[in-house]
Protein backbone atom coordinates (compact mmCIF):
# COMPACT_ATOMS: atom_id res chain seq x y z
CA MET A 1 8.81 -17.41 0.57
CA LEU A 2 6.25 -14.43 0.59
CA LYS A 3 8.49 -11.63 0.31
CA ASN A 4 9.34 -12.97 -3.38
CA PHE A 5 5.92 -12.48 -4.75
CA LEU A 6 3.92 -9.59 -6.11
CA PHE A 7 0.92 -9.29 -3.61
CA ASN A 8 -1.40 -6.95 -1.68
CA SER A 9 -3.17 -7.57 1.64
CA THR A 10 -6.09 -6.29 3.40
CA LEU A 11 -6.50 -6.11 7.17
CA PHE A 12 -10.43 -5.67 7.75
CA LEU A 13 -12.00 -4.63 10.99
CA GLY A 14 -15.45 -3.90 10.01
CA ALA A 15 -16.71 -2.82 6.46
CA ALA A 16 -17.40 -0.10 4.01
CA PRO A 17 -14.61 1.67 2.07
CA ALA A 18 -15.39 4.99 3.08
CA LEU A 19 -11.89 5.97 3.79
CA ALA A 20 -11.14 8.43 6.13
CA ALA A 21 -7.33 8.99 5.62
CA GLY A 22 -4.45 7.37 3.68
CA ALA A 23 -0.65 7.61 3.48
CA THR A 24 2.08 6.10 1.27
CA TRP A 25 5.38 5.43 3.26
CA GLY A 26 8.85 5.55 1.79
CA SER A 27 12.34 6.98 2.17
CA ALA A 28 10.97 10.58 1.85
CA ASN A 29 8.08 10.04 4.22
CA PRO A 30 9.11 7.29 6.77
CA PRO A 31 6.43 5.44 8.84
CA PRO A 32 6.74 5.47 12.83
CA GLY A 33 9.51 3.40 14.08
CA TRP A 34 11.59 3.42 10.56
CA ARG A 35 15.31 3.14 11.15
CA ASP A 36 17.36 5.80 9.62
CA SER A 37 20.37 3.33 9.10
CA ARG A 38 18.44 0.85 6.80
CA LEU A 39 19.72 -1.73 4.41
CA ALA A 40 22.07 -0.65 1.50
CA LYS A 41 20.55 -0.69 -1.93
CA VAL A 42 19.76 -4.47 -2.59
CA GLN A 43 18.52 -5.97 -5.81
CA PRO A 44 18.42 -9.70 -4.89
CA HIS A 45 16.99 -11.72 -7.94
CA GLN A 46 14.05 -13.82 -7.92
CA SER A 47 13.31 -17.37 -8.76
CA LEU A 48 11.93 -18.48 -12.25
CA LEU A 49 8.57 -19.54 -10.40
CA ASP A 50 8.43 -15.59 -9.45
CA ALA A 51 8.87 -14.68 -12.95
CA THR A 52 6.20 -16.87 -13.90
CA THR A 53 3.70 -15.90 -11.17
CA ALA A 54 4.55 -12.38 -11.77
CA ASN A 55 1.93 -12.22 -14.42
CA PHE A 56 -0.81 -13.91 -12.71
CA ALA A 57 -3.61 -11.86 -10.61
CA LEU A 58 -2.71 -9.98 -7.53
CA THR A 59 -3.34 -11.99 -4.17
CA ASN A 60 -5.85 -10.38 -1.81
CA ALA A 61 -6.56 -11.63 1.59
CA ILE A 62 -9.05 -10.25 3.89
CA TRP A 63 -9.64 -10.76 7.73
CA LEU A 64 -12.66 -10.17 9.85
CA PHE A 65 -12.46 -9.57 13.58
CA GLU A 66 -14.94 -8.75 16.13
CA PRO A 67 -14.72 -5.15 17.27
CA LEU A 68 -12.57 -4.47 20.50
CA ASN A 69 -14.02 -3.58 23.79
CA GLU A 70 -14.52 0.19 23.73
CA LYS A 71 -12.72 0.11 27.38
CA ASP A 72 -9.60 -0.89 25.94
CA GLY A 73 -9.32 2.51 24.30
CA VAL A 74 -7.22 1.21 21.38
CA ASN A 75 -7.16 3.18 18.29
CA VAL A 76 -6.76 -0.01 15.78
CA ALA A 77 -5.65 2.09 12.71
CA VAL A 78 -3.03 3.98 14.77
CA HIS A 79 -1.61 1.12 16.28
CA LEU A 80 -1.52 -0.83 13.06
CA ARG A 81 0.38 2.26 11.33
CA GLN A 82 3.07 2.04 14.15
CA THR A 83 3.33 -1.77 13.98
CA LEU A 84 3.78 -1.69 10.12
CA GLY A 85 6.61 0.53 10.63
CA THR A 86 8.30 -1.98 12.74
CA VAL A 87 7.60 -4.84 10.15
CA LEU A 88 9.13 -2.87 7.46
CA THR A 89 12.26 -2.59 9.38
CA SER A 90 12.74 -5.98 9.05
CA TYR A 91 11.10 -6.52 5.48
CA PRO A 92 11.89 -3.31 3.78
CA GLN A 93 11.64 -5.07 0.43
CA TRP A 94 7.83 -4.56 0.69
CA ALA A 95 8.37 -0.92 0.45
CA GLY A 96 10.61 -1.53 -2.54
CA GLN A 97 10.02 -2.11 -6.17
CA LEU A 98 9.49 -5.61 -8.29
CA LYS A 99 11.64 -4.92 -11.47
CA SER A 100 12.35 -7.14 -14.29
CA ILE A 101 14.98 -7.94 -17.07
CA ALA A 102 13.07 -5.89 -20.26
CA VAL A 103 16.01 -6.57 -22.83
CA VAL A 104 17.70 -9.64 -24.51
CA ASP A 105 21.03 -8.36 -25.26
CA ASP A 106 23.08 -9.17 -22.08
CA VAL A 107 24.98 -6.14 -22.70
CA SER A 108 21.76 -3.67 -22.35
CA VAL A 109 20.98 -5.18 -18.90
CA PRO A 110 20.57 -2.24 -16.37
CA ALA A 111 23.62 -1.60 -14.36
CA GLU A 112 22.07 -2.57 -10.84
CA ALA A 113 21.53 -5.99 -12.34
CA GLN A 114 24.54 -6.50 -14.20
CA GLU A 115 26.16 -8.55 -11.42
CA PHE A 116 23.43 -11.09 -11.44
CA PRO A 117 24.04 -14.76 -12.37
CA ALA A 118 23.68 -15.28 -16.27
CA HIS A 119 20.30 -17.02 -15.51
CA ALA A 120 19.06 -14.11 -13.75
CA ARG A 121 19.90 -11.76 -16.32
CA ARG A 122 17.66 -13.25 -19.05
CA PHE A 123 14.50 -11.52 -20.51
CA GLY A 124 11.59 -11.41 -18.06
CA ARG A 125 13.44 -12.49 -15.05
CA VAL A 126 12.41 -10.73 -11.95
CA TYR A 127 14.26 -8.99 -9.16
CA ALA A 128 13.60 -6.87 -6.05
CA HIS A 129 14.87 -3.41 -5.57
CA PHE A 130 15.01 -1.70 -2.24
CA GLY A 131 17.03 0.01 -0.05
CA ALA A 132 17.50 3.10 -2.26
CA SER A 133 15.95 6.71 -2.28
CA ALA A 134 13.34 5.63 -4.90
CA ASP A 135 11.61 3.28 -2.50
CA VAL A 136 7.78 3.39 -3.22
CA GLY A 137 6.80 2.69 0.48
CA VAL A 138 3.54 0.73 1.34
CA GLU A 139 0.11 1.86 0.90
CA PHE A 140 -1.84 2.09 3.89
CA ILE A 141 -5.64 3.18 4.13
CA SER A 142 -7.94 3.47 7.04
CA GLY A 143 -11.67 4.02 7.19
CA THR A 144 -14.85 3.29 9.11
CA SER A 145 -18.23 1.77 8.66
CA SER A 146 -21.65 0.88 10.34
CA ALA A 147 -21.59 -2.63 8.86
CA THR A 148 -21.12 -5.76 11.42
CA THR A 149 -19.17 -8.84 10.87
CA ASP A 150 -22.46 -10.77 11.24
CA SER A 151 -24.05 -8.96 8.06
CA LEU A 152 -21.13 -9.91 6.22
CA TYR A 153 -20.18 -13.38 7.41
CA PRO A 154 -23.26 -14.93 9.17
CA THR A 155 -22.14 -17.14 12.17
CA GLU A 156 -24.89 -19.43 11.04
CA ARG A 157 -24.02 -19.82 7.65
CA VAL A 158 -21.91 -22.88 8.05
CA LYS A 159 -25.04 -24.67 8.85
CA THR A 160 -27.46 -23.32 6.45
CA ARG A 161 -24.66 -23.23 3.48
CA PRO A 162 -21.92 -25.30 4.20
CA LEU A 163 -20.62 -24.49 0.96
CA TRP A 164 -19.71 -20.78 0.64
CA ASP A 165 -20.08 -19.44 -2.82
CA ARG A 166 -17.78 -16.57 -2.54
CA LYS A 167 -19.21 -14.90 -5.80
CA ASP A 168 -22.25 -13.96 -3.92
CA GLU A 169 -20.53 -11.96 -1.33
CA THR A 170 -19.09 -8.31 -1.70
CA LEU A 171 -16.28 -8.70 0.14
CA GLY A 172 -13.96 -7.69 -2.93
CA ARG A 173 -14.78 -3.98 -2.04
CA PHE A 174 -12.91 -4.07 0.97
CA VAL A 175 -9.62 -4.64 -1.02
CA PRO A 176 -7.57 -1.34 -1.45
CA ALA A 177 -8.49 0.78 -4.27
CA VAL A 178 -4.85 0.88 -5.21
CA ASP A 179 -3.28 0.41 -8.48
CA ILE A 180 -0.61 -2.09 -7.72
CA ALA A 181 2.77 -2.11 -9.68
CA HIS A 182 3.49 -5.14 -12.00
CA ALA A 183 6.77 -6.33 -12.15
CA LEU A 184 6.80 -6.94 -15.79
CA GLN A 185 5.74 -3.55 -16.73
CA PRO A 186 7.43 0.00 -16.27
CA ASN A 187 7.04 1.51 -12.90
CA GLU A 188 7.39 5.19 -13.80
CA PRO A 189 6.60 8.31 -11.43
CA ASP A 190 3.10 9.30 -12.00
CA ALA A 191 3.17 12.76 -13.71
CA ALA A 192 0.82 14.45 -11.26
CA THR A 193 1.97 13.21 -7.99
CA GLY A 194 5.70 11.93 -8.73
CA LEU A 195 4.79 8.65 -6.73
CA ARG A 196 5.36 5.20 -8.32
CA LYS A 197 3.08 2.50 -7.71
CA PRO A 198 3.63 0.51 -4.60
CA ILE A 199 3.68 -3.29 -4.56
CA MET A 200 1.83 -3.69 -1.55
CA ALA A 201 -1.28 -1.93 -0.30
CA ILE A 202 -3.14 -2.51 3.08
CA GLN A 203 -6.65 -1.44 4.59
CA CYS A 204 -8.09 -1.24 8.12
CA THR A 205 -11.36 -0.74 7.99
CA THR A 206 -13.15 -0.06 11.41
CA PHE A 207 -16.67 0.19 12.92
CA GLY A 208 -18.02 3.54 12.86
């Protein structure tokens, strides 16, 4: 299940990383639609597969959409922020933390993981931690650009270049420039901001 993996996601409706605004949502700064009666603190242990893939590169996804009709009068960034708040009420683990067992002595396992079965308390095993005051939140970034989808992904490309060499493109710049937390490394609060790294970041870039 996707909720068990460390990932970040990009929703792209235009181009250019000229960011107009950004926000981190968590228990101290909840998004619109966030329920006060959230789930109690939960620490579900993850599978061995999750512990293995946690050491891989992060997963990114970029979607390209044509701009909406101006007559619709919809502010896409605002709408997505609101719907994200709704989504997080059902999937609060995205706003939480991914942690791992960092000790080999079972006696030294953190109290929050003491109730895990023996195999889930082994060194390097990953678990999710959410529903607590320390929830990090999801990084949401919005921006604008003058680029077009045709300039980034020409419709005639499928005929002129059936095989798309992704390395020749620059779509990677539309992935949020956010430092994502690593499940196998400590995620202590930043000395300057007091914030921890999120496990998920979303960027919405619209046409300017």
